[in-house]
Structure formats: C-alpha cells, structure tokens
Amino acid sequence: MRKIVYLGLLLWLSVGYTHAQKAYIQDAGIKEQLNFVETEASKWQNYVMITDVWFRQLKKNVSDTLDLKNQNIAELRQTVAARDSVIGQLNGELEKTKTRLETSEREKNAFQFLGLSMAKPVFISLVLFVFFALLIATGAALFLFQRSNHTANRTKKELEKMKEEFEDYRQRARQKYENLVVQHHKEIQKLKE
C-alpha cells in the first residue's frame, strides 16, 4: 500500500513538475493568460496551485495592461476635453454667426424711410397704398377736370349763343331806334311844313 502511495505521490510530483516546466505564454491577451493558468495549474482538493513564476508574470502582464489602459483612458480624456473645448468655441462662434445672420436678415428685410426703420412688407404696403391713393386722386381729378371742362364748354357755347342773341337784339333795337328816329324826324319835318 505504501508503494501505491509512493507511486501516486511520484506520479503527482512528476505531473506537477511537467506543468511547472511548461513555458508561460507571453504574447497572449489577459483572458488567454488567465485561461492558460487555469488549465495548466495543479489542482488539489479545493485549491488551484500555480507556480510563482507564472503568478509574477501574470501579475506583471495584468499590471502593464492596466497601466496601458489607464494611459489610453487619460489620453482619451484629454482628447475629449480638447474636443469639448473646440466644440464650446465652435458653439460660441455659431451663436455669434446666428446673431449676425438674424441681424443681417432683419436689416435686409428692413428699409429706412424718412429716418424710420420699417419692414419691407410694411414699406411695400405703404408705397402701394400711396400709389393707389395717388392713382385714385388722379382719376378723381381727371373726372372733375373733364366735368368742369364740359361745363365750361357748355357755358361758353351758351355765352356765345347769348352774345349772338344779344347782338341780334342790339341790331334790331338799333334798327328800330333808327327807324323811330327817322320816323320821328319825318314827323318833325311834316310838322314843320
């Protein structure tokens, strides 16, 4: 029985020795290294035994990986901070540009008239109102002028007609007066005789 125990112990030591002699993987990722240590380590009851060399190498690789990741995180944070700064500057410039755009659009859509700033639609409405008011006033003035001209022409014709009638009346009255004077003179002559 002792032989069996010695043989088992010898076998166990030789298996452990061959495991310890197996080379550690250097270029693999952390997960692969952990899997390697888990599969190649000796197991005894509820314990896993790994060699001190493997443990130190795994610890060094994990530490190096964490340092590299922390360095990457720090660089990425610096990059994010730099980009946030650039984004903040660009947002500020965007706000300034929006303000200038709104101002220029307001100025573009505004019009200075008699020192007053008014929107172009209001100005166009005002100009159209004045134009139509002048057009209506011109039409009304033209209508009144034609009516006045027609009345003046009619009055002028009536005046001409009255002048002709007056001239006829005057001529008839003069002839009548002359006839009366001649007849009166004849009567006086008859009486003198």
N, C-alpha and C. Protein backbone atom coordinates (compact mmCIF):
# COMPACT_ATOMS: atom_id res chain seq x y z
N MET A 1 0.83 -1.16 0.00
CA MET A 1 0.00 0.00 0.00
C MET A 1 0.89 1.24 0.00
N ARG A 2 1.99 1.08 0.70
CA ARG A 2 2.91 2.19 0.68
C ARG A 2 3.45 2.43 -0.70
N LYS A 3 3.63 1.37 -1.41
CA LYS A 3 4.13 1.51 -2.76
C LYS A 3 3.14 2.28 -3.61
N ILE A 4 1.90 2.03 -3.42
CA ILE A 4 0.88 2.71 -4.21
C ILE A 4 0.87 4.19 -3.86
N VAL A 5 1.01 4.51 -2.59
CA VAL A 5 1.02 5.90 -2.17
C VAL A 5 2.26 6.57 -2.72
N TYR A 6 3.40 5.87 -2.64
CA TYR A 6 4.62 6.47 -3.18
C TYR A 6 4.53 6.65 -4.68
N LEU A 7 3.98 5.63 -5.31
CA LEU A 7 3.81 5.75 -6.76
C LEU A 7 2.86 6.90 -7.11
N GLY A 8 1.81 7.05 -6.37
CA GLY A 8 0.84 8.17 -6.63
C GLY A 8 1.49 9.51 -6.37
N LEU A 9 2.27 9.56 -5.28
CA LEU A 9 2.96 10.81 -4.95
C LEU A 9 4.00 11.13 -6.02
N LEU A 10 4.72 10.13 -6.45
CA LEU A 10 5.70 10.31 -7.51
C LEU A 10 5.02 10.74 -8.80
N LEU A 11 3.96 10.12 -9.10
CA LEU A 11 3.21 10.49 -10.31
C LEU A 11 2.70 11.92 -10.20
N TRP A 12 2.21 12.23 -9.04
CA TRP A 12 1.69 13.60 -8.83
C TRP A 12 2.81 14.63 -8.95
N LEU A 13 3.95 14.38 -8.39
CA LEU A 13 5.09 15.27 -8.48
C LEU A 13 5.60 15.38 -9.91
N SER A 14 5.59 14.29 -10.61
CA SER A 14 6.07 14.35 -11.99
C SER A 14 5.09 15.14 -12.86
N VAL A 15 3.81 14.98 -12.59
CA VAL A 15 2.82 15.77 -13.34
C VAL A 15 3.00 17.25 -12.99
N GLY A 16 3.12 17.57 -11.71
CA GLY A 16 3.34 18.95 -11.28
C GLY A 16 4.63 19.50 -11.86
N TYR A 17 5.66 18.68 -11.91
CA TYR A 17 6.95 19.12 -12.42
C TYR A 17 6.85 19.41 -13.91
N THR A 18 6.14 18.56 -14.63
CA THR A 18 5.99 18.80 -16.07
C THR A 18 5.15 20.05 -16.30
N HIS A 19 4.15 20.28 -15.42
CA HIS A 19 3.36 21.51 -15.55
C HIS A 19 4.23 22.72 -15.26
N ALA A 20 5.06 22.61 -14.28
CA ALA A 20 5.92 23.73 -13.93
C ALA A 20 6.94 23.98 -15.02
N GLN A 21 7.30 22.96 -15.72
CA GLN A 21 8.28 23.11 -16.77
C GLN A 21 7.69 23.69 -18.04
N LYS A 22 6.38 23.69 -18.15
CA LYS A 22 5.74 24.20 -19.38
C LYS A 22 5.97 25.70 -19.46
N ALA A 23 6.31 26.20 -20.64
CA ALA A 23 6.65 27.62 -20.81
C ALA A 23 5.38 28.48 -20.71
N TYR A 24 5.54 29.67 -20.12
CA TYR A 24 4.40 30.58 -19.93
C TYR A 24 4.19 31.36 -21.24
N ILE A 25 2.94 31.60 -21.61
CA ILE A 25 2.67 32.34 -22.87
C ILE A 25 2.80 33.84 -22.57
N GLN A 26 3.62 34.54 -23.34
CA GLN A 26 3.91 35.97 -23.08
C GLN A 26 3.06 36.90 -23.94
N ASP A 27 2.84 36.55 -25.17
CA ASP A 27 2.24 37.48 -26.14
C ASP A 27 0.72 37.38 -26.21
N ALA A 28 0.11 36.61 -25.38
CA ALA A 28 -1.34 36.44 -25.41
C ALA A 28 -2.01 37.53 -24.58
N GLY A 29 -3.31 37.69 -24.81
CA GLY A 29 -4.07 38.66 -24.04
C GLY A 29 -4.30 38.17 -22.62
N ILE A 30 -4.82 39.05 -21.79
CA ILE A 30 -5.05 38.72 -20.38
C ILE A 30 -6.00 37.54 -20.24
N LYS A 31 -7.05 37.51 -21.03
CA LYS A 31 -8.01 36.40 -20.92
C LYS A 31 -7.34 35.08 -21.29
N GLU A 32 -6.55 35.10 -22.34
CA GLU A 32 -5.87 33.86 -22.73
C GLU A 32 -4.87 33.44 -21.65
N GLN A 33 -4.16 34.40 -21.04
CA GLN A 33 -3.21 34.07 -19.98
C GLN A 33 -3.93 33.46 -18.78
N LEU A 34 -5.08 34.08 -18.40
CA LEU A 34 -5.85 33.52 -17.28
C LEU A 34 -6.35 32.12 -17.59
N ASN A 35 -6.82 31.90 -18.82
CA ASN A 35 -7.27 30.56 -19.22
C ASN A 35 -6.10 29.57 -19.19
N PHE A 36 -4.94 30.03 -19.63
CA PHE A 36 -3.76 29.16 -19.61
C PHE A 36 -3.42 28.77 -18.19
N VAL A 37 -3.36 29.72 -17.27
CA VAL A 37 -3.03 29.42 -15.87
C VAL A 37 -4.07 28.51 -15.27
N GLU A 38 -5.35 28.73 -15.60
CA GLU A 38 -6.41 27.90 -15.04
C GLU A 38 -6.31 26.46 -15.53
N THR A 39 -6.03 26.28 -16.79
CA THR A 39 -5.99 24.91 -17.33
C THR A 39 -4.69 24.19 -16.99
N GLU A 40 -3.58 24.92 -16.89
CA GLU A 40 -2.29 24.28 -16.69
C GLU A 40 -1.89 24.18 -15.21
N ALA A 41 -2.60 24.85 -14.32
CA ALA A 41 -2.22 24.82 -12.91
C ALA A 41 -2.62 23.49 -12.28
N SER A 42 -1.95 23.13 -11.21
CA SER A 42 -2.24 21.89 -10.49
C SER A 42 -3.44 22.13 -9.58
N LYS A 43 -4.25 21.12 -9.46
CA LYS A 43 -5.42 21.23 -8.61
C LYS A 43 -5.29 20.18 -7.51
N TRP A 44 -5.54 20.61 -6.31
CA TRP A 44 -5.51 19.69 -5.18
C TRP A 44 -6.66 20.04 -4.28
N GLN A 45 -7.54 19.14 -4.06
CA GLN A 45 -8.78 19.31 -3.32
C GLN A 45 -9.52 20.54 -3.85
N ASN A 46 -9.72 21.56 -3.03
CA ASN A 46 -10.42 22.77 -3.49
C ASN A 46 -9.45 23.90 -3.86
N TYR A 47 -8.18 23.56 -4.05
CA TYR A 47 -7.18 24.59 -4.31
C TYR A 47 -6.61 24.45 -5.71
N VAL A 48 -6.21 25.61 -6.25
CA VAL A 48 -5.51 25.62 -7.53
C VAL A 48 -4.12 26.13 -7.24
N MET A 49 -3.12 25.38 -7.65
CA MET A 49 -1.75 25.78 -7.37
C MET A 49 -1.08 26.20 -8.67
N ILE A 50 -0.54 27.44 -8.64
CA ILE A 50 0.21 27.90 -9.81
C ILE A 50 1.62 28.20 -9.35
N THR A 51 2.52 28.14 -10.25
CA THR A 51 3.91 28.40 -9.88
C THR A 51 4.10 29.88 -9.65
N ASP A 52 5.10 30.19 -8.85
CA ASP A 52 5.41 31.57 -8.50
C ASP A 52 5.81 32.37 -9.75
N VAL A 53 6.50 31.76 -10.65
CA VAL A 53 6.94 32.45 -11.89
C VAL A 53 5.74 32.84 -12.73
N TRP A 54 4.80 31.89 -12.87
CA TRP A 54 3.60 32.19 -13.65
C TRP A 54 2.81 33.31 -12.98
N PHE A 55 2.69 33.23 -11.65
CA PHE A 55 1.93 34.25 -10.93
C PHE A 55 2.56 35.63 -11.11
N ARG A 56 3.87 35.71 -10.96
CA ARG A 56 4.54 37.01 -11.14
C ARG A 56 4.39 37.52 -12.57
N GLN A 57 4.53 36.63 -13.51
CA GLN A 57 4.40 37.04 -14.93
C GLN A 57 2.97 37.51 -15.21
N LEU A 58 1.98 36.80 -14.71
CA LEU A 58 0.58 37.18 -14.89
C LEU A 58 0.31 38.51 -14.21
N LYS A 59 0.85 38.68 -12.99
CA LYS A 59 0.66 39.92 -12.26
C LYS A 59 1.30 41.09 -13.02
N LYS A 60 2.53 40.87 -13.54
CA LYS A 60 3.21 41.91 -14.31
C LYS A 60 2.43 42.26 -15.57
N ASN A 61 1.95 41.24 -16.29
CA ASN A 61 1.20 41.48 -17.53
C ASN A 61 -0.12 42.20 -17.26
N VAL A 62 -0.82 41.80 -16.17
CA VAL A 62 -2.08 42.47 -15.82
C VAL A 62 -1.80 43.92 -15.45
N SER A 63 -0.73 44.13 -14.67
CA SER A 63 -0.37 45.50 -14.27
C SER A 63 -0.02 46.34 -15.48
N ASP A 64 0.78 45.77 -16.39
CA ASP A 64 1.14 46.50 -17.62
C ASP A 64 -0.09 46.82 -18.45
N THR A 65 -0.99 45.85 -18.56
CA THR A 65 -2.22 46.06 -19.34
C THR A 65 -3.07 47.16 -18.72
N LEU A 66 -3.21 47.10 -17.36
CA LEU A 66 -4.00 48.14 -16.68
C LEU A 66 -3.35 49.51 -16.85
N ASP A 67 -2.00 49.57 -16.73
CA ASP A 67 -1.31 50.85 -16.94
C ASP A 67 -1.53 51.38 -18.35
N LEU A 68 -1.45 50.48 -19.32
CA LEU A 68 -1.67 50.88 -20.72
C LEU A 68 -3.10 51.37 -20.92
N LYS A 69 -4.04 50.63 -20.31
CA LYS A 69 -5.45 51.04 -20.44
C LYS A 69 -5.68 52.37 -19.75
N ASN A 70 -5.08 52.56 -18.56
CA ASN A 70 -5.23 53.85 -17.86
C ASN A 70 -4.61 54.98 -18.66
N GLN A 71 -3.47 54.70 -19.27
CA GLN A 71 -2.83 55.71 -20.12
C GLN A 71 -3.73 56.05 -21.31
N ASN A 72 -4.31 55.02 -21.92
CA ASN A 72 -5.24 55.25 -23.04
C ASN A 72 -6.45 56.05 -22.57
N ILE A 73 -6.95 55.72 -21.38
CA ILE A 73 -8.11 56.45 -20.84
C ILE A 73 -7.74 57.91 -20.61
N ALA A 74 -6.54 58.15 -20.06
CA ALA A 74 -6.11 59.54 -19.82
C ALA A 74 -5.97 60.30 -21.14
N GLU A 75 -5.38 59.63 -22.14
CA GLU A 75 -5.25 60.27 -23.45
C GLU A 75 -6.62 60.56 -24.06
N LEU A 76 -7.52 59.59 -23.93
CA LEU A 76 -8.86 59.79 -24.47
C LEU A 76 -9.59 60.91 -23.73
N ARG A 77 -9.37 61.01 -22.40
CA ARG A 77 -9.99 62.11 -21.65
C ARG A 77 -9.43 63.44 -22.11
N GLN A 78 -8.12 63.49 -22.34
CA GLN A 78 -7.53 64.73 -22.86
C GLN A 78 -8.10 65.06 -24.23
N THR A 79 -8.23 64.04 -25.06
CA THR A 79 -8.80 64.25 -26.40
C THR A 79 -10.24 64.74 -26.29
N VAL A 80 -11.02 64.11 -25.39
CA VAL A 80 -12.42 64.53 -25.20
C VAL A 80 -12.47 65.96 -24.66
N ALA A 81 -11.57 66.29 -23.71
CA ALA A 81 -11.57 67.65 -23.16
C ALA A 81 -11.20 68.66 -24.25
N ALA A 82 -10.19 68.30 -25.08
CA ALA A 82 -9.80 69.19 -26.17
C ALA A 82 -10.96 69.35 -27.16
N ARG A 83 -11.62 68.28 -27.46
CA ARG A 83 -12.75 68.36 -28.40
C ARG A 83 -13.92 69.13 -27.79
N ASP A 84 -14.14 68.93 -26.47
CA ASP A 84 -15.19 69.71 -25.80
C ASP A 84 -14.87 71.19 -25.86
N SER A 85 -13.60 71.51 -25.67
CA SER A 85 -13.18 72.92 -25.76
C SER A 85 -13.42 73.46 -27.16
N VAL A 86 -13.03 72.67 -28.17
CA VAL A 86 -13.25 73.09 -29.57
C VAL A 86 -14.74 73.21 -29.85
N ILE A 87 -15.53 72.25 -29.34
CA ILE A 87 -16.99 72.30 -29.56
C ILE A 87 -17.57 73.54 -28.88
N GLY A 88 -17.08 73.86 -27.67
CA GLY A 88 -17.54 75.07 -26.98
C GLY A 88 -17.22 76.32 -27.78
N GLN A 89 -15.99 76.39 -28.31
CA GLN A 89 -15.62 77.54 -29.13
C GLN A 89 -16.48 77.61 -30.39
N LEU A 90 -16.68 76.46 -31.02
CA LEU A 90 -17.50 76.43 -32.24
C LEU A 90 -18.95 76.81 -31.94
N ASN A 91 -19.46 76.36 -30.78
CA ASN A 91 -20.83 76.74 -30.40
C ASN A 91 -20.92 78.25 -30.17
N GLY A 92 -19.88 78.82 -29.53
CA GLY A 92 -19.86 80.27 -29.33
C GLY A 92 -19.84 81.01 -30.66
N GLU A 93 -18.99 80.53 -31.58
CA GLU A 93 -18.93 81.15 -32.91
C GLU A 93 -20.24 80.96 -33.65
N LEU A 94 -20.88 79.79 -33.46
CA LEU A 94 -22.16 79.54 -34.10
C LEU A 94 -23.22 80.51 -33.58
N GLU A 95 -23.23 80.75 -32.27
CA GLU A 95 -24.19 81.71 -31.69
C GLU A 95 -23.94 83.11 -32.25
N LYS A 96 -22.65 83.50 -32.33
CA LYS A 96 -22.33 84.81 -32.90
C LYS A 96 -22.79 84.89 -34.35
N THR A 97 -22.55 83.81 -35.09
CA THR A 97 -22.95 83.78 -36.50
C THR A 97 -24.47 83.85 -36.62
N LYS A 98 -25.18 83.12 -35.75
CA LYS A 98 -26.65 83.16 -35.77
C LYS A 98 -27.14 84.58 -35.47
N THR A 99 -26.49 85.22 -34.49
CA THR A 99 -26.89 86.59 -34.15
C THR A 99 -26.64 87.52 -35.32
N ARG A 100 -25.46 87.39 -35.95
CA ARG A 100 -25.16 88.24 -37.12
C ARG A 100 -26.13 87.94 -38.26
N LEU A 101 -26.47 86.67 -38.45
CA LEU A 101 -27.40 86.29 -39.51
C LEU A 101 -28.78 86.90 -39.25
N GLU A 102 -29.25 86.80 -38.01
CA GLU A 102 -30.56 87.39 -37.67
C GLU A 102 -30.54 88.90 -37.88
N THR A 103 -29.43 89.55 -37.47
CA THR A 103 -29.31 90.99 -37.64
C THR A 103 -29.29 91.35 -39.12
N SER A 104 -28.51 90.61 -39.90
CA SER A 104 -28.45 90.92 -41.34
C SER A 104 -29.78 90.64 -42.03
N GLU A 105 -30.48 89.58 -41.61
CA GLU A 105 -31.79 89.31 -42.21
C GLU A 105 -32.79 90.40 -41.83
N ARG A 106 -32.71 90.86 -40.56
CA ARG A 106 -33.58 91.95 -40.14
C ARG A 106 -33.28 93.21 -40.95
N GLU A 107 -31.98 93.49 -41.13
CA GLU A 107 -31.60 94.67 -41.91
C GLU A 107 -31.96 94.49 -43.37
N LYS A 108 -31.83 93.27 -43.88
CA LYS A 108 -32.18 93.00 -45.28
C LYS A 108 -33.68 93.18 -45.50
N ASN A 109 -34.47 92.76 -44.52
CA ASN A 109 -35.91 92.87 -44.64
C ASN A 109 -36.45 94.20 -44.14
N ALA A 110 -35.56 95.09 -43.70
CA ALA A 110 -35.98 96.40 -43.23
C ALA A 110 -35.60 97.46 -44.25
N PHE A 111 -36.25 98.62 -44.13
CA PHE A 111 -36.00 99.70 -45.06
C PHE A 111 -36.06 101.01 -44.29
N GLN A 112 -35.10 101.89 -44.54
CA GLN A 112 -35.08 103.19 -43.88
C GLN A 112 -35.86 104.18 -44.76
N PHE A 113 -36.86 104.78 -44.17
CA PHE A 113 -37.67 105.76 -44.90
C PHE A 113 -37.98 106.91 -43.96
N LEU A 114 -37.48 108.07 -44.32
CA LEU A 114 -37.64 109.28 -43.50
C LEU A 114 -37.11 109.07 -42.09
N GLY A 115 -36.01 108.33 -42.00
CA GLY A 115 -35.39 108.10 -40.69
C GLY A 115 -36.07 107.02 -39.88
N LEU A 116 -37.09 106.42 -40.40
CA LEU A 116 -37.80 105.35 -39.69
C LEU A 116 -37.42 104.01 -40.30
N SER A 117 -37.15 103.04 -39.44
CA SER A 117 -36.86 101.70 -39.91
C SER A 117 -38.16 100.91 -39.93
N MET A 118 -38.48 100.39 -41.09
CA MET A 118 -39.71 99.59 -41.18
C MET A 118 -39.44 98.37 -42.04
N ALA A 119 -40.23 97.34 -41.79
CA ALA A 119 -40.07 96.10 -42.54
C ALA A 119 -40.45 96.33 -43.99
N LYS A 120 -39.79 95.57 -44.88
CA LYS A 120 -40.05 95.74 -46.31
C LYS A 120 -41.52 95.51 -46.67
N PRO A 121 -42.17 94.48 -46.10
CA PRO A 121 -43.58 94.32 -46.45
C PRO A 121 -44.43 95.53 -46.05
N VAL A 122 -44.12 96.12 -44.89
CA VAL A 122 -44.86 97.32 -44.46
C VAL A 122 -44.56 98.47 -45.42
N PHE A 123 -43.28 98.63 -45.78
CA PHE A 123 -42.90 99.69 -46.70
C PHE A 123 -43.56 99.50 -48.06
N ILE A 124 -43.55 98.27 -48.56
CA ILE A 124 -44.17 97.98 -49.86
C ILE A 124 -45.67 98.25 -49.78
N SER A 125 -46.30 97.85 -48.67
CA SER A 125 -47.73 98.13 -48.49
C SER A 125 -47.99 99.64 -48.48
N LEU A 126 -47.12 100.38 -47.79
CA LEU A 126 -47.26 101.84 -47.73
C LEU A 126 -47.11 102.45 -49.12
N VAL A 127 -46.09 102.00 -49.86
CA VAL A 127 -45.87 102.52 -51.21
C VAL A 127 -47.06 102.19 -52.11
N LEU A 128 -47.55 100.96 -52.03
CA LEU A 128 -48.71 100.58 -52.85
C LEU A 128 -49.95 101.39 -52.46
N PHE A 129 -50.14 101.62 -51.14
CA PHE A 129 -51.27 102.42 -50.70
C PHE A 129 -51.16 103.83 -51.25
N VAL A 130 -49.97 104.43 -51.14
CA VAL A 130 -49.77 105.79 -51.66
C VAL A 130 -49.97 105.80 -53.17
N PHE A 131 -49.44 104.77 -53.86
CA PHE A 131 -49.59 104.71 -55.32
C PHE A 131 -51.07 104.64 -55.71
N PHE A 132 -51.82 103.73 -55.06
CA PHE A 132 -53.24 103.61 -55.41
C PHE A 132 -54.02 104.86 -54.99
N ALA A 133 -53.63 105.46 -53.86
CA ALA A 133 -54.30 106.69 -53.45
C ALA A 133 -54.05 107.80 -54.48
N LEU A 134 -52.80 107.92 -54.94
CA LEU A 134 -52.50 108.91 -55.98
C LEU A 134 -53.21 108.58 -57.29
N LEU A 135 -53.28 107.30 -57.61
CA LEU A 135 -53.99 106.89 -58.82
C LEU A 135 -55.47 107.24 -58.72
N ILE A 136 -56.09 106.98 -57.58
CA ILE A 136 -57.50 107.32 -57.38
C ILE A 136 -57.68 108.84 -57.39
N ALA A 137 -56.76 109.56 -56.72
CA ALA A 137 -56.84 111.03 -56.71
C ALA A 137 -56.68 111.58 -58.11
N THR A 138 -55.75 111.01 -58.88
CA THR A 138 -55.56 111.46 -60.27
C THR A 138 -56.81 111.17 -61.09
N GLY A 139 -57.39 109.98 -60.90
CA GLY A 139 -58.63 109.65 -61.62
C GLY A 139 -59.75 110.61 -61.25
N ALA A 140 -59.88 110.88 -59.93
CA ALA A 140 -60.93 111.81 -59.49
C ALA A 140 -60.67 113.21 -60.04
N ALA A 141 -59.41 113.66 -60.01
CA ALA A 141 -59.08 114.99 -60.55
C ALA A 141 -59.36 115.04 -62.04
N LEU A 142 -59.01 113.97 -62.76
CA LEU A 142 -59.28 113.92 -64.20
C LEU A 142 -60.79 113.95 -64.46
N PHE A 143 -61.55 113.19 -63.65
CA PHE A 143 -63.00 113.20 -63.80
C PHE A 143 -63.56 114.61 -63.54
N LEU A 144 -63.11 115.24 -62.43
CA LEU A 144 -63.58 116.59 -62.12
C LEU A 144 -63.15 117.59 -63.18
N PHE A 145 -61.94 117.42 -63.70
CA PHE A 145 -61.47 118.32 -64.76
C PHE A 145 -62.33 118.17 -66.01
N GLN A 146 -62.61 116.93 -66.39
CA GLN A 146 -63.44 116.74 -67.59
C GLN A 146 -64.85 117.28 -67.36
N ARG A 147 -65.36 117.03 -66.16
CA ARG A 147 -66.69 117.56 -65.86
C ARG A 147 -66.68 119.08 -65.89
N SER A 148 -65.66 119.67 -65.29
CA SER A 148 -65.53 121.13 -65.30
C SER A 148 -65.32 121.64 -66.73
N ASN A 149 -64.51 120.94 -67.49
CA ASN A 149 -64.26 121.32 -68.88
C ASN A 149 -65.55 121.23 -69.69
N HIS A 150 -66.30 120.16 -69.47
CA HIS A 150 -67.57 120.02 -70.18
C HIS A 150 -68.53 121.16 -69.79
N THR A 151 -68.60 121.45 -68.48
CA THR A 151 -69.45 122.55 -68.02
C THR A 151 -68.98 123.87 -68.60
N ALA A 152 -67.68 124.09 -68.63
CA ALA A 152 -67.12 125.34 -69.19
C ALA A 152 -67.43 125.43 -70.67
N ASN A 153 -67.29 124.32 -71.40
CA ASN A 153 -67.61 124.33 -72.84
C ASN A 153 -69.09 124.62 -73.06
N ARG A 154 -69.93 124.00 -72.26
CA ARG A 154 -71.37 124.24 -72.39
C ARG A 154 -71.68 125.70 -72.05
N THR A 155 -71.05 126.21 -70.97
CA THR A 155 -71.28 127.62 -70.60
C THR A 155 -70.77 128.54 -71.69
N LYS A 156 -69.62 128.18 -72.27
CA LYS A 156 -69.04 129.01 -73.34
C LYS A 156 -69.97 129.02 -74.55
N LYS A 157 -70.53 127.87 -74.89
CA LYS A 157 -71.48 127.82 -76.02
C LYS A 157 -72.71 128.66 -75.72
N GLU A 158 -73.19 128.52 -74.45
CA GLU A 158 -74.36 129.32 -74.07
C GLU A 158 -74.03 130.81 -74.12
N LEU A 159 -72.81 131.17 -73.69
CA LEU A 159 -72.38 132.57 -73.74
C LEU A 159 -72.31 133.06 -75.18
N GLU A 160 -71.75 132.23 -76.04
CA GLU A 160 -71.67 132.60 -77.47
C GLU A 160 -73.09 132.77 -78.03
N LYS A 161 -73.95 131.85 -77.67
CA LYS A 161 -75.34 131.94 -78.15
C LYS A 161 -76.00 133.20 -77.62
N MET A 162 -75.75 133.49 -76.30
CA MET A 162 -76.32 134.70 -75.71
C MET A 162 -75.74 135.94 -76.38
N LYS A 163 -74.46 135.92 -76.70
CA LYS A 163 -73.84 137.06 -77.38
C LYS A 163 -74.48 137.27 -78.74
N GLU A 164 -74.69 136.15 -79.45
CA GLU A 164 -75.33 136.28 -80.77
C GLU A 164 -76.74 136.82 -80.63
N GLU A 165 -77.49 136.28 -79.65
CA GLU A 165 -78.85 136.77 -79.44
C GLU A 165 -78.83 138.25 -79.03
N PHE A 166 -77.85 138.57 -78.12
CA PHE A 166 -77.74 139.97 -77.71
C PHE A 166 -77.37 140.85 -78.90
N GLU A 167 -76.48 140.39 -79.72
CA GLU A 167 -76.08 141.17 -80.91
C GLU A 167 -77.28 141.33 -81.85
N ASP A 168 -78.04 140.24 -82.04
CA ASP A 168 -79.25 140.34 -82.87
C ASP A 168 -80.23 141.33 -82.24
N TYR A 169 -80.43 141.22 -80.94
CA TYR A 169 -81.34 142.13 -80.23
C TYR A 169 -80.84 143.56 -80.36
N ARG A 170 -79.56 143.77 -80.18
CA ARG A 170 -78.99 145.11 -80.28
C ARG A 170 -79.18 145.65 -81.70
N GLN A 171 -78.89 144.79 -82.66
CA GLN A 171 -79.07 145.23 -84.06
C GLN A 171 -80.54 145.57 -84.31
N ARG A 172 -81.43 144.74 -83.85
CA ARG A 172 -82.85 145.02 -84.06
C ARG A 172 -83.27 146.27 -83.30
N ALA A 173 -82.75 146.40 -82.08
CA ALA A 173 -83.10 147.59 -81.29
C ALA A 173 -82.52 148.83 -81.95
N ARG A 174 -81.31 148.78 -82.46
CA ARG A 174 -80.70 149.93 -83.13
C ARG A 174 -81.50 150.26 -84.39
N GLN A 175 -81.84 149.23 -85.14
CA GLN A 175 -82.62 149.49 -86.35
C GLN A 175 -83.98 150.07 -85.99
N LYS A 176 -84.54 149.52 -84.96
CA LYS A 176 -85.83 150.05 -84.52
C LYS A 176 -85.66 151.50 -84.07
N TYR A 177 -84.59 151.78 -83.31
CA TYR A 177 -84.34 153.14 -82.85
C TYR A 177 -84.07 154.06 -84.04
N GLU A 178 -83.30 153.55 -84.96
CA GLU A 178 -83.03 154.37 -86.16
C GLU A 178 -84.34 154.62 -86.93
N ASN A 179 -85.09 153.53 -87.01
CA ASN A 179 -86.38 153.71 -87.72
C ASN A 179 -87.26 154.71 -86.95
N LEU A 180 -87.26 154.63 -85.66
CA LEU A 180 -88.05 155.56 -84.86
C LEU A 180 -87.50 156.97 -85.00
N VAL A 181 -86.16 157.07 -85.00
CA VAL A 181 -85.55 158.41 -85.15
C VAL A 181 -85.90 158.95 -86.54
N VAL A 182 -85.76 158.11 -87.55
CA VAL A 182 -86.09 158.55 -88.91
C VAL A 182 -87.58 158.89 -88.97
N GLN A 183 -88.38 158.11 -88.41
CA GLN A 183 -89.81 158.37 -88.44
C GLN A 183 -90.13 159.62 -87.61
N HIS A 184 -89.47 159.74 -86.53
CA HIS A 184 -89.66 160.94 -85.70
C HIS A 184 -89.17 162.18 -86.48
N HIS A 185 -88.07 162.04 -87.11
CA HIS A 185 -87.55 163.16 -87.91
C HIS A 185 -88.52 163.47 -89.04
N LYS A 186 -89.04 162.48 -89.62
CA LYS A 186 -90.01 162.70 -90.68
C LYS A 186 -91.25 163.35 -90.09
N GLU A 187 -91.64 162.97 -88.99
CA GLU A 187 -92.82 163.55 -88.35
C GLU A 187 -92.54 165.04 -88.01
N ILE A 188 -91.35 165.25 -87.53
CA ILE A 188 -90.99 166.65 -87.20
C ILE A 188 -90.94 167.40 -88.50
N GLN A 189 -90.46 166.93 -89.51
CA GLN A 189 -90.40 167.59 -90.79
C GLN A 189 -91.84 167.82 -91.29
N LYS A 190 -92.64 166.94 -91.10
CA LYS A 190 -94.03 167.10 -91.55
C LYS A 190 -94.69 168.20 -90.72
N LEU A 191 -94.39 168.25 -89.53
CA LEU A 191 -95.00 169.27 -88.69
C LEU A 191 -94.39 170.64 -89.00
N LYS A 192 -93.24 170.70 -89.34
CA LYS A 192 -92.62 171.96 -89.70
C LYS A 192 -93.17 172.43 -91.04
N GLU A 193 -93.54 171.76 -91.80
CA GLU A 193 -94.08 172.11 -93.09
C GLU A 193 -95.47 172.48 -92.87
